All heavy atoms as atom14 arrays in JSON, in Angstrom:
{
  "sequence": "GAPTTTAAVTTPAAGTTTAAGVPVSTTTAPRPEPQSVPARAVVLLTAG",
  "atom14_mask": [
    [1, 1, 1, 1, 0, 0, 0, 0, 0, 0, 0, 0, 0, 0],
    [1, 1, 1, 1, 1, 0, 0, 0, 0, 0, 0, 0, 0, 0],
    [1, 1, 1, 1, 1, 1, 1, 0, 0, 0, 0, 0, 0, 0],
    [1, 1, 1, 1, 1, 1, 1, 0, 0, 0, 0, 0, 0, 0],
    [1, 1, 1, 1, 1, 1, 1, 0, 0, 0, 0, 0, 0, 0],
    [1, 1, 1, 1, 1, 1, 1, 0, 0, 0, 0, 0, 0, 0],
    [1, 1, 1, 1, 1, 0, 0, 0, 0, 0, 0, 0, 0, 0],
    [1, 1, 1, 1, 1, 0, 0, 0, 0, 0, 0, 0, 0, 0],
    [1, 1, 1, 1, 1, 1, 1, 0, 0, 0, 0, 0, 0, 0],
    [1, 1, 1, 1, 1, 1, 1, 0, 0, 0, 0, 0, 0, 0],
    [1, 1, 1, 1, 1, 1, 1, 0, 0, 0, 0, 0, 0, 0],
    [1, 1, 1, 1, 1, 1, 1, 0, 0, 0, 0, 0, 0, 0],
    [1, 1, 1, 1, 1, 0, 0, 0, 0, 0, 0, 0, 0, 0],
    [1, 1, 1, 1, 1, 0, 0, 0, 0, 0, 0, 0, 0, 0],
    [1, 1, 1, 1, 0, 0, 0, 0, 0, 0, 0, 0, 0, 0],
    [1, 1, 1, 1, 1, 1, 1, 0, 0, 0, 0, 0, 0, 0],
    [1, 1, 1, 1, 1, 1, 1, 0, 0, 0, 0, 0, 0, 0],
    [1, 1, 1, 1, 1, 1, 1, 0, 0, 0, 0, 0, 0, 0],
    [1, 1, 1, 1, 1, 0, 0, 0, 0, 0, 0, 0, 0, 0],
    [1, 1, 1, 1, 1, 0, 0, 0, 0, 0, 0, 0, 0, 0],
    [1, 1, 1, 1, 0, 0, 0, 0, 0, 0, 0, 0, 0, 0],
    [1, 1, 1, 1, 1, 1, 1, 0, 0, 0, 0, 0, 0, 0],
    [1, 1, 1, 1, 1, 1, 1, 0, 0, 0, 0, 0, 0, 0],
    [1, 1, 1, 1, 1, 1, 1, 0, 0, 0, 0, 0, 0, 0],
    [1, 1, 1, 1, 1, 1, 0, 0, 0, 0, 0, 0, 0, 0],
    [1, 1, 1, 1, 1, 1, 1, 0, 0, 0, 0, 0, 0, 0],
    [1, 1, 1, 1, 1, 1, 1, 0, 0, 0, 0, 0, 0, 0],
    [1, 1, 1, 1, 1, 1, 1, 0, 0, 0, 0, 0, 0, 0],
    [1, 1, 1, 1, 1, 0, 0, 0, 0, 0, 0, 0, 0, 0],
    [1, 1, 1, 1, 1, 1, 1, 0, 0, 0, 0, 0, 0, 0],
    [1, 1, 1, 1, 1, 1, 1, 1, 1, 1, 1, 0, 0, 0],
    [1, 1, 1, 1, 1, 1, 1, 0, 0, 0, 0, 0, 0, 0],
    [1, 1, 1, 1, 1, 1, 1, 1, 1, 0, 0, 0, 0, 0],
    [1, 1, 1, 1, 1, 1, 1, 0, 0, 0, 0, 0, 0, 0],
    [1, 1, 1, 1, 1, 1, 1, 1, 1, 0, 0, 0, 0, 0],
    [1, 1, 1, 1, 1, 1, 0, 0, 0, 0, 0, 0, 0, 0],
    [1, 1, 1, 1, 1, 1, 1, 0, 0, 0, 0, 0, 0, 0],
    [1, 1, 1, 1, 1, 1, 1, 0, 0, 0, 0, 0, 0, 0],
    [1, 1, 1, 1, 1, 0, 0, 0, 0, 0, 0, 0, 0, 0],
    [1, 1, 1, 1, 1, 1, 1, 1, 1, 1, 1, 0, 0, 0],
    [1, 1, 1, 1, 1, 0, 0, 0, 0, 0, 0, 0, 0, 0],
    [1, 1, 1, 1, 1, 1, 1, 0, 0, 0, 0, 0, 0, 0],
    [1, 1, 1, 1, 1, 1, 1, 0, 0, 0, 0, 0, 0, 0],
    [1, 1, 1, 1, 1, 1, 1, 1, 0, 0, 0, 0, 0, 0],
    [1, 1, 1, 1, 1, 1, 1, 1, 0, 0, 0, 0, 0, 0],
    [1, 1, 1, 1, 1, 1, 1, 0, 0, 0, 0, 0, 0, 0],
    [1, 1, 1, 1, 1, 0, 0, 0, 0, 0, 0, 0, 0, 0],
    [1, 1, 1, 1, 0, 0, 0, 0, 0, 0, 0, 0, 0, 0]
  ],
  "atom14_positions": [
    [[-59.46, -14.3, -47.82], [-60.11, -13.55, -46.68], [-60.63, -14.36, -45.61], [-61.13, -13.87, -44.59], [0.0, 0.0, 0.0], [0.0, 0.0, 0.0], [0.0, 0.0, 0.0], [0.0, 0.0, 0.0], [0.0, 0.0, 0.0], [0.0, 0.0, 0.0], [0.0, 0.0, 0.0], [0.0, 0.0, 0.0], [0.0, 0.0, 0.0], [0.0, 0.0, 0.0]],
    [[-60.64, -15.74, -45.74], [-61.18, -16.56, -44.69], [-60.21, -16.63, -43.55], [-59.04, -16.71, -43.75], [-61.45, -17.95, -45.31], [0.0, 0.0, 0.0], [0.0, 0.0, 0.0], [0.0, 0.0, 0.0], [0.0, 0.0, 0.0], [0.0, 0.0, 0.0], [0.0, 0.0, 0.0], [0.0, 0.0, 0.0], [0.0, 0.0, 0.0], [0.0, 0.0, 0.0]],
    [[-60.72, -16.62, -42.34], [-59.86, -16.65, -41.17], [-59.25, -17.96, -41.08], [-59.77, -19.04, -41.38], [-60.86, -16.4, -39.98], [-62.14, -16.77, -40.46], [-62.19, -16.54, -41.96], [0.0, 0.0, 0.0], [0.0, 0.0, 0.0], [0.0, 0.0, 0.0], [0.0, 0.0, 0.0], [0.0, 0.0, 0.0], [0.0, 0.0, 0.0], [0.0, 0.0, 0.0]],
    [[-57.99, -17.96, -40.63], [-57.24, -19.22, -40.37], [-56.58, -19.11, -39.02], [-56.48, -18.07, -38.4], [-56.1, -19.52, -41.4], [-55.22, -18.42, -41.43], [-56.68, -19.57, -42.84], [0.0, 0.0, 0.0], [0.0, 0.0, 0.0], [0.0, 0.0, 0.0], [0.0, 0.0, 0.0], [0.0, 0.0, 0.0], [0.0, 0.0, 0.0], [0.0, 0.0, 0.0]],
    [[-56.11, -20.14, -38.49], [-55.47, -20.2, -37.18], [-54.18, -20.93, -37.31], [-54.07, -22.07, -37.74], [-56.33, -20.9, -36.13], [-57.51, -20.26, -36.07], [-55.59, -20.86, -34.76], [0.0, 0.0, 0.0], [0.0, 0.0, 0.0], [0.0, 0.0, 0.0], [0.0, 0.0, 0.0], [0.0, 0.0, 0.0], [0.0, 0.0, 0.0], [0.0, 0.0, 0.0]],
    [[-53.08, -20.28, -37.07], [-51.74, -20.86, -37.04], [-51.26, -20.75, -35.63], [-51.09, -19.63, -35.07], [-50.8, -20.13, -38.02], [-50.65, -18.76, -37.7], [-51.28, -20.29, -39.41], [0.0, 0.0, 0.0], [0.0, 0.0, 0.0], [0.0, 0.0, 0.0], [0.0, 0.0, 0.0], [0.0, 0.0, 0.0], [0.0, 0.0, 0.0], [0.0, 0.0, 0.0]],
    [[-51.03, -21.91, -35.03], [-50.81, -21.85, -33.58], [-49.85, -22.88, -33.18], [-49.68, -23.91, -33.83], [-52.14, -21.99, -32.82], [0.0, 0.0, 0.0], [0.0, 0.0, 0.0], [0.0, 0.0, 0.0], [0.0, 0.0, 0.0], [0.0, 0.0, 0.0], [0.0, 0.0, 0.0], [0.0, 0.0, 0.0], [0.0, 0.0, 0.0], [0.0, 0.0, 0.0]],
    [[-49.2, -22.63, -32.05], [-48.42, -23.69, -31.36], [-49.28, -24.17, -30.12], [-50.05, -23.36, -29.61], [-47.12, -23.13, -30.9], [0.0, 0.0, 0.0], [0.0, 0.0, 0.0], [0.0, 0.0, 0.0], [0.0, 0.0, 0.0], [0.0, 0.0, 0.0], [0.0, 0.0, 0.0], [0.0, 0.0, 0.0], [0.0, 0.0, 0.0], [0.0, 0.0, 0.0]],
    [[-49.15, -25.39, -29.66], [-49.9, -25.91, -28.58], [-49.4, -25.23, -27.2], [-48.16, -25.41, -26.97], [-49.78, -27.44, -28.47], [-50.57, -27.91, -27.26], [-50.33, -28.08, -29.79], [0.0, 0.0, 0.0], [0.0, 0.0, 0.0], [0.0, 0.0, 0.0], [0.0, 0.0, 0.0], [0.0, 0.0, 0.0], [0.0, 0.0, 0.0], [0.0, 0.0, 0.0]],
    [[-50.24, -24.59, -26.45], [-49.85, -23.88, -25.26], [-49.63, -24.93, -24.16], [-50.51, -25.8, -23.9], [-50.9, -22.85, -24.84], [-51.05, -21.96, -25.97], [-50.4, -22.14, -23.63], [0.0, 0.0, 0.0], [0.0, 0.0, 0.0], [0.0, 0.0, 0.0], [0.0, 0.0, 0.0], [0.0, 0.0, 0.0], [0.0, 0.0, 0.0], [0.0, 0.0, 0.0]],
    [[-48.57, -24.84, -23.42], [-48.41, -25.77, -22.29], [-48.19, -24.94, -20.98], [-47.92, -23.74, -21.04], [-47.09, -26.55, -22.51], [-45.96, -25.68, -22.7], [-47.2, -27.43, -23.78], [0.0, 0.0, 0.0], [0.0, 0.0, 0.0], [0.0, 0.0, 0.0], [0.0, 0.0, 0.0], [0.0, 0.0, 0.0], [0.0, 0.0, 0.0], [0.0, 0.0, 0.0]],
    [[-48.34, -25.6, -19.78], [-48.28, -24.87, -18.56], [-46.82, -24.3, -18.46], [-45.87, -24.64, -19.09], [-48.53, -25.97, -17.54], [-49.39, -27.01, -18.3], [-48.78, -26.97, -19.7], [0.0, 0.0, 0.0], [0.0, 0.0, 0.0], [0.0, 0.0, 0.0], [0.0, 0.0, 0.0], [0.0, 0.0, 0.0], [0.0, 0.0, 0.0], [0.0, 0.0, 0.0]],
    [[-46.68, -23.44, -17.49], [-45.4, -22.86, -17.28], [-44.42, -23.8, -16.63], [-44.82, -24.9, -16.13], [-45.58, -21.6, -16.26], [0.0, 0.0, 0.0], [0.0, 0.0, 0.0], [0.0, 0.0, 0.0], [0.0, 0.0, 0.0], [0.0, 0.0, 0.0], [0.0, 0.0, 0.0], [0.0, 0.0, 0.0], [0.0, 0.0, 0.0], [0.0, 0.0, 0.0]],
    [[-43.13, -23.46, -16.7], [-42.11, -24.36, -16.15], [-42.31, -24.66, -14.73], [-42.64, -23.77, -13.94], [-40.74, -23.71, -16.44], [0.0, 0.0, 0.0], [0.0, 0.0, 0.0], [0.0, 0.0, 0.0], [0.0, 0.0, 0.0], [0.0, 0.0, 0.0], [0.0, 0.0, 0.0], [0.0, 0.0, 0.0], [0.0, 0.0, 0.0], [0.0, 0.0, 0.0]],
    [[-42.16, -25.9, -14.34], [-42.22, -26.32, -12.94], [-43.62, -26.76, -12.54], [-43.74, -27.25, -11.42], [0.0, 0.0, 0.0], [0.0, 0.0, 0.0], [0.0, 0.0, 0.0], [0.0, 0.0, 0.0], [0.0, 0.0, 0.0], [0.0, 0.0, 0.0], [0.0, 0.0, 0.0], [0.0, 0.0, 0.0], [0.0, 0.0, 0.0], [0.0, 0.0, 0.0]],
    [[-44.61, -26.67, -13.42], [-45.94, -27.05, -12.95], [-46.07, -28.54, -13.23], [-45.27, -29.23, -13.92], [-47.03, -26.34, -13.83], [-46.76, -26.67, -15.17], [-46.9, -24.84, -13.66], [0.0, 0.0, 0.0], [0.0, 0.0, 0.0], [0.0, 0.0, 0.0], [0.0, 0.0, 0.0], [0.0, 0.0, 0.0], [0.0, 0.0, 0.0], [0.0, 0.0, 0.0]],
    [[-47.1, -29.17, -12.6], [-47.4, -30.52, -12.67], [-48.82, -30.81, -12.97], [-49.7, -29.88, -12.8], [-47.02, -31.34, -11.35], [-47.79, -30.76, -10.29], [-45.57, -31.03, -10.98], [0.0, 0.0, 0.0], [0.0, 0.0, 0.0], [0.0, 0.0, 0.0], [0.0, 0.0, 0.0], [0.0, 0.0, 0.0], [0.0, 0.0, 0.0], [0.0, 0.0, 0.0]],
    [[-49.15, -31.96, -13.44], [-50.52, -32.32, -13.66], [-51.2, -32.7, -12.35], [-50.46, -32.69, -11.23], [-50.65, -33.6, -14.57], [-50.02, -34.65, -13.92], [-49.91, -33.24, -15.89], [0.0, 0.0, 0.0], [0.0, 0.0, 0.0], [0.0, 0.0, 0.0], [0.0, 0.0, 0.0], [0.0, 0.0, 0.0], [0.0, 0.0, 0.0], [0.0, 0.0, 0.0]],
    [[-52.47, -33.02, -12.38], [-53.2, -33.38, -11.13], [-52.61, -34.55, -10.54], [-52.66, -34.83, -9.26], [-54.69, -33.61, -11.43], [0.0, 0.0, 0.0], [0.0, 0.0, 0.0], [0.0, 0.0, 0.0], [0.0, 0.0, 0.0], [0.0, 0.0, 0.0], [0.0, 0.0, 0.0], [0.0, 0.0, 0.0], [0.0, 0.0, 0.0], [0.0, 0.0, 0.0]],
    [[-51.96, -35.47, -11.31], [-51.39, -36.65, -10.74], [-49.93, -36.38, -10.27], [-49.3, -37.33, -9.82], [-51.36, -37.73, -11.81], [0.0, 0.0, 0.0], [0.0, 0.0, 0.0], [0.0, 0.0, 0.0], [0.0, 0.0, 0.0], [0.0, 0.0, 0.0], [0.0, 0.0, 0.0], [0.0, 0.0, 0.0], [0.0, 0.0, 0.0], [0.0, 0.0, 0.0]],
    [[-49.44, -35.2, -10.39], [-48.15, -34.92, -9.87], [-47.06, -35.11, -10.89], [-45.82, -35.09, -10.55], [0.0, 0.0, 0.0], [0.0, 0.0, 0.0], [0.0, 0.0, 0.0], [0.0, 0.0, 0.0], [0.0, 0.0, 0.0], [0.0, 0.0, 0.0], [0.0, 0.0, 0.0], [0.0, 0.0, 0.0], [0.0, 0.0, 0.0], [0.0, 0.0, 0.0]],
    [[-47.41, -35.3, -12.16], [-46.38, -35.61, -13.18], [-45.9, -34.31, -13.74], [-46.73, -33.42, -14.12], [-46.94, -36.49, -14.31], [-45.96, -36.7, -15.35], [-47.44, -37.8, -13.72], [0.0, 0.0, 0.0], [0.0, 0.0, 0.0], [0.0, 0.0, 0.0], [0.0, 0.0, 0.0], [0.0, 0.0, 0.0], [0.0, 0.0, 0.0], [0.0, 0.0, 0.0]],
    [[-44.64, -34.03, -13.8], [-44.08, -32.78, -14.3], [-44.5, -32.62, -15.8], [-44.48, -33.62, -16.56], [-42.54, -32.93, -14.2], [-42.36, -33.92, -13.22], [-43.5, -34.92, -13.26], [0.0, 0.0, 0.0], [0.0, 0.0, 0.0], [0.0, 0.0, 0.0], [0.0, 0.0, 0.0], [0.0, 0.0, 0.0], [0.0, 0.0, 0.0], [0.0, 0.0, 0.0]],
    [[-44.73, -31.46, -16.27], [-45.16, -31.09, -17.54], [-44.0, -30.47, -18.31], [-43.42, -29.58, -17.81], [-46.47, -30.18, -17.6], [-46.84, -29.76, -18.99], [-47.59, -30.89, -16.81], [0.0, 0.0, 0.0], [0.0, 0.0, 0.0], [0.0, 0.0, 0.0], [0.0, 0.0, 0.0], [0.0, 0.0, 0.0], [0.0, 0.0, 0.0], [0.0, 0.0, 0.0]],
    [[-43.81, -30.89, -19.58], [-42.8, -30.26, -20.39], [-43.2, -28.89, -20.81], [-44.41, -28.58, -21.02], [-42.47, -31.17, -21.64], [-41.7, -30.46, -22.47], [0.0, 0.0, 0.0], [0.0, 0.0, 0.0], [0.0, 0.0, 0.0], [0.0, 0.0, 0.0], [0.0, 0.0, 0.0], [0.0, 0.0, 0.0], [0.0, 0.0, 0.0], [0.0, 0.0, 0.0]],
    [[-42.26, -28.01, -20.91], [-42.58, -26.6, -21.26], [-42.39, -26.33, -22.81], [-42.53, -25.25, -23.26], [-41.6, -25.61, -20.53], [-40.34, -25.97, -20.85], [-41.88, -25.75, -19.01], [0.0, 0.0, 0.0], [0.0, 0.0, 0.0], [0.0, 0.0, 0.0], [0.0, 0.0, 0.0], [0.0, 0.0, 0.0], [0.0, 0.0, 0.0], [0.0, 0.0, 0.0]],
    [[-42.03, -27.38, -23.57], [-41.76, -27.18, -24.96], [-43.08, -27.05, -25.68], [-44.12, -27.61, -25.21], [-40.96, -28.26, -25.57], [-41.67, -29.53, -25.34], [-39.54, -28.3, -24.93], [0.0, 0.0, 0.0], [0.0, 0.0, 0.0], [0.0, 0.0, 0.0], [0.0, 0.0, 0.0], [0.0, 0.0, 0.0], [0.0, 0.0, 0.0], [0.0, 0.0, 0.0]],
    [[-43.13, -26.3, -26.83], [-44.38, -26.15, -27.59], [-44.19, -27.0, -28.92], [-43.13, -27.05, -29.47], [-44.61, -24.76, -27.95], [-43.49, -24.24, -28.59], [-44.88, -23.9, -26.67], [0.0, 0.0, 0.0], [0.0, 0.0, 0.0], [0.0, 0.0, 0.0], [0.0, 0.0, 0.0], [0.0, 0.0, 0.0], [0.0, 0.0, 0.0], [0.0, 0.0, 0.0]],
    [[-45.3, -27.55, -29.36], [-45.27, -28.29, -30.66], [-45.97, -27.52, -31.67], [-47.19, -27.36, -31.67], [-46.0, -29.66, -30.34], [0.0, 0.0, 0.0], [0.0, 0.0, 0.0], [0.0, 0.0, 0.0], [0.0, 0.0, 0.0], [0.0, 0.0, 0.0], [0.0, 0.0, 0.0], [0.0, 0.0, 0.0], [0.0, 0.0, 0.0], [0.0, 0.0, 0.0]],
    [[-45.19, -26.97, -32.61], [-45.88, -26.16, -33.64], [-46.76, -27.05, -34.57], [-46.46, -28.2, -34.83], [-44.68, -25.68, -34.46], [-43.54, -26.62, -34.19], [-43.79, -27.07, -32.78], [0.0, 0.0, 0.0], [0.0, 0.0, 0.0], [0.0, 0.0, 0.0], [0.0, 0.0, 0.0], [0.0, 0.0, 0.0], [0.0, 0.0, 0.0], [0.0, 0.0, 0.0]],
    [[-47.88, -26.45, -35.01], [-48.79, -27.15, -35.82], [-48.18, -27.13, -37.28], [-47.8, -26.16, -37.77], [-50.15, -26.48, -35.9], [-51.15, -27.2, -36.76], [-52.44, -26.53, -36.61], [-52.92, -26.61, -35.2], [-54.03, -25.96, -34.77], [-54.71, -25.16, -35.59], [-54.32, -26.12, -33.5], [0.0, 0.0, 0.0], [0.0, 0.0, 0.0], [0.0, 0.0, 0.0]],
    [[-48.09, -28.32, -37.96], [-47.49, -28.41, -39.31], [-48.31, -27.55, -40.28], [-49.57, -27.44, -40.2], [-47.61, -29.86, -39.64], [-47.75, -30.62, -38.41], [-48.54, -29.66, -37.47], [0.0, 0.0, 0.0], [0.0, 0.0, 0.0], [0.0, 0.0, 0.0], [0.0, 0.0, 0.0], [0.0, 0.0, 0.0], [0.0, 0.0, 0.0], [0.0, 0.0, 0.0]],
    [[-47.63, -26.93, -41.21], [-48.24, -26.07, -42.21], [-48.78, -27.02, -43.31], [-48.26, -28.03, -43.64], [-47.18, -25.16, -42.85], [-46.65, -24.1, -41.98], [-47.77, -23.07, -41.47], [-48.64, -22.87, -42.31], [-47.66, -22.62, -40.34], [0.0, 0.0, 0.0], [0.0, 0.0, 0.0], [0.0, 0.0, 0.0], [0.0, 0.0, 0.0], [0.0, 0.0, 0.0]],
    [[-49.97, -26.62, -43.82], [-50.52, -27.38, -44.95], [-49.61, -27.41, -46.13], [-48.87, -26.39, -46.41], [-51.86, -26.66, -45.24], [-52.07, -25.76, -44.12], [-50.75, -25.45, -43.47], [0.0, 0.0, 0.0], [0.0, 0.0, 0.0], [0.0, 0.0, 0.0], [0.0, 0.0, 0.0], [0.0, 0.0, 0.0], [0.0, 0.0, 0.0], [0.0, 0.0, 0.0]],
    [[-49.57, -28.55, -46.83], [-48.69, -28.72, -48.0], [-49.65, -28.77, -49.21], [-50.78, -29.3, -49.26], [-47.94, -29.99, -47.97], [-46.97, -30.0, -46.79], [-45.85, -28.96, -46.91], [-45.52, -28.6, -48.04], [-45.24, -28.54, -45.78], [0.0, 0.0, 0.0], [0.0, 0.0, 0.0], [0.0, 0.0, 0.0], [0.0, 0.0, 0.0], [0.0, 0.0, 0.0]],
    [[-49.22, -28.11, -50.33], [-50.01, -28.09, -51.53], [-49.86, -29.35, -52.33], [-48.91, -30.09, -52.16], [-49.6, -26.91, -52.43], [-48.26, -26.98, -52.73], [0.0, 0.0, 0.0], [0.0, 0.0, 0.0], [0.0, 0.0, 0.0], [0.0, 0.0, 0.0], [0.0, 0.0, 0.0], [0.0, 0.0, 0.0], [0.0, 0.0, 0.0], [0.0, 0.0, 0.0]],
    [[-50.83, -29.62, -53.21], [-50.77, -30.85, -54.1], [-49.53, -30.56, -55.06], [-49.28, -29.43, -55.48], [-52.05, -30.85, -54.89], [-52.08, -32.02, -55.87], [-53.24, -31.05, -53.95], [0.0, 0.0, 0.0], [0.0, 0.0, 0.0], [0.0, 0.0, 0.0], [0.0, 0.0, 0.0], [0.0, 0.0, 0.0], [0.0, 0.0, 0.0], [0.0, 0.0, 0.0]],
    [[-48.82, -31.62, -55.4], [-47.66, -31.46, -56.3], [-48.11, -31.15, -57.75], [-47.97, -31.95, -58.62], [-46.99, -32.86, -56.24], [-48.09, -33.85, -55.85], [-49.0, -33.07, -54.95], [0.0, 0.0, 0.0], [0.0, 0.0, 0.0], [0.0, 0.0, 0.0], [0.0, 0.0, 0.0], [0.0, 0.0, 0.0], [0.0, 0.0, 0.0], [0.0, 0.0, 0.0]],
    [[-48.6, -29.94, -57.91], [-49.12, -29.54, -59.22], [-48.01, -29.55, -60.24], [-48.32, -29.92, -61.44], [-49.79, -28.11, -59.09], [0.0, 0.0, 0.0], [0.0, 0.0, 0.0], [0.0, 0.0, 0.0], [0.0, 0.0, 0.0], [0.0, 0.0, 0.0], [0.0, 0.0, 0.0], [0.0, 0.0, 0.0], [0.0, 0.0, 0.0], [0.0, 0.0, 0.0]],
    [[-46.81, -29.21, -59.88], [-45.71, -29.14, -60.87], [-45.45, -30.6, -61.4], [-45.27, -30.75, -62.6], [-44.44, -28.61, -60.2], [-43.19, -28.61, -61.07], [-42.0, -27.92, -60.41], [-40.78, -27.98, -61.23], [-39.94, -29.0, -61.19], [-40.17, -30.07, -60.39], [-38.86, -29.0, -61.98], [0.0, 0.0, 0.0], [0.0, 0.0, 0.0], [0.0, 0.0, 0.0]],
    [[-45.51, -31.51, -60.62], [-45.32, -32.88, -61.08], [-46.36, -33.35, -61.94], [-46.16, -34.1, -62.99], [-45.25, -33.9, -59.79], [0.0, 0.0, 0.0], [0.0, 0.0, 0.0], [0.0, 0.0, 0.0], [0.0, 0.0, 0.0], [0.0, 0.0, 0.0], [0.0, 0.0, 0.0], [0.0, 0.0, 0.0], [0.0, 0.0, 0.0], [0.0, 0.0, 0.0]],
    [[-47.64, -32.91, -61.72], [-48.79, -33.27, -62.61], [-48.61, -32.62, -63.95], [-48.85, -33.31, -65.0], [-50.14, -32.94, -61.9], [-51.28, -33.06, -62.91], [-50.4, -33.63, -60.73], [0.0, 0.0, 0.0], [0.0, 0.0, 0.0], [0.0, 0.0, 0.0], [0.0, 0.0, 0.0], [0.0, 0.0, 0.0], [0.0, 0.0, 0.0], [0.0, 0.0, 0.0]],
    [[-48.15, -31.35, -63.96], [-47.97, -30.64, -65.23], [-46.86, -31.36, -66.02], [-46.93, -31.51, -67.27], [-47.65, -29.18, -64.97], [-47.17, -28.5, -66.22], [-48.85, -28.43, -64.38], [0.0, 0.0, 0.0], [0.0, 0.0, 0.0], [0.0, 0.0, 0.0], [0.0, 0.0, 0.0], [0.0, 0.0, 0.0], [0.0, 0.0, 0.0], [0.0, 0.0, 0.0]],
    [[-45.67, -31.66, -65.34], [-44.59, -32.29, -66.1], [-45.05, -33.62, -66.75], [-44.68, -33.97, -67.85], [-43.41, -32.51, -65.11], [-42.7, -31.26, -64.63], [-41.59, -31.63, -63.57], [-42.06, -30.47, -65.79], [0.0, 0.0, 0.0], [0.0, 0.0, 0.0], [0.0, 0.0, 0.0], [0.0, 0.0, 0.0], [0.0, 0.0, 0.0], [0.0, 0.0, 0.0]],
    [[-45.8, -34.39, -65.85], [-46.14, -35.78, -66.35], [-47.15, -35.64, -67.51], [-47.05, -36.42, -68.46], [-46.71, -36.57, -65.18], [-46.87, -38.04, -65.45], [-45.58, -38.67, -65.83], [-47.51, -38.73, -64.26], [0.0, 0.0, 0.0], [0.0, 0.0, 0.0], [0.0, 0.0, 0.0], [0.0, 0.0, 0.0], [0.0, 0.0, 0.0], [0.0, 0.0, 0.0]],
    [[-48.03, -34.68, -67.47], [-49.02, -34.43, -68.56], [-48.23, -34.09, -69.85], [-48.55, -34.51, -70.99], [-50.05, -33.4, -68.14], [-50.7, -33.75, -67.0], [-51.02, -33.22, -69.26], [0.0, 0.0, 0.0], [0.0, 0.0, 0.0], [0.0, 0.0, 0.0], [0.0, 0.0, 0.0], [0.0, 0.0, 0.0], [0.0, 0.0, 0.0], [0.0, 0.0, 0.0]],
    [[-47.27, -33.21, -69.71], [-46.47, -32.78, -70.86], [-45.7, -34.0, -71.43], [-45.6, -34.06, -72.69], [-45.48, -31.65, -70.48], [0.0, 0.0, 0.0], [0.0, 0.0, 0.0], [0.0, 0.0, 0.0], [0.0, 0.0, 0.0], [0.0, 0.0, 0.0], [0.0, 0.0, 0.0], [0.0, 0.0, 0.0], [0.0, 0.0, 0.0], [0.0, 0.0, 0.0]],
    [[-45.13, -34.82, -70.62], [-44.46, -35.96, -71.0], [-45.43, -36.89, -71.81], [-45.05, -37.54, -72.78], [0.0, 0.0, 0.0], [0.0, 0.0, 0.0], [0.0, 0.0, 0.0], [0.0, 0.0, 0.0], [0.0, 0.0, 0.0], [0.0, 0.0, 0.0], [0.0, 0.0, 0.0], [0.0, 0.0, 0.0], [0.0, 0.0, 0.0], [0.0, 0.0, 0.0]]
  ]
}
């Protein structure tokens, strides 16, 4: 029930530039999803 945020980084529209006049890429960089601890490996090793 806790709120989470899954987002991509928002970038300016195509053709825009920064204050220094450098063109800005329009691609978005998705935020990586969290990965769980390898619980299966721990269980297997404990059984071994």
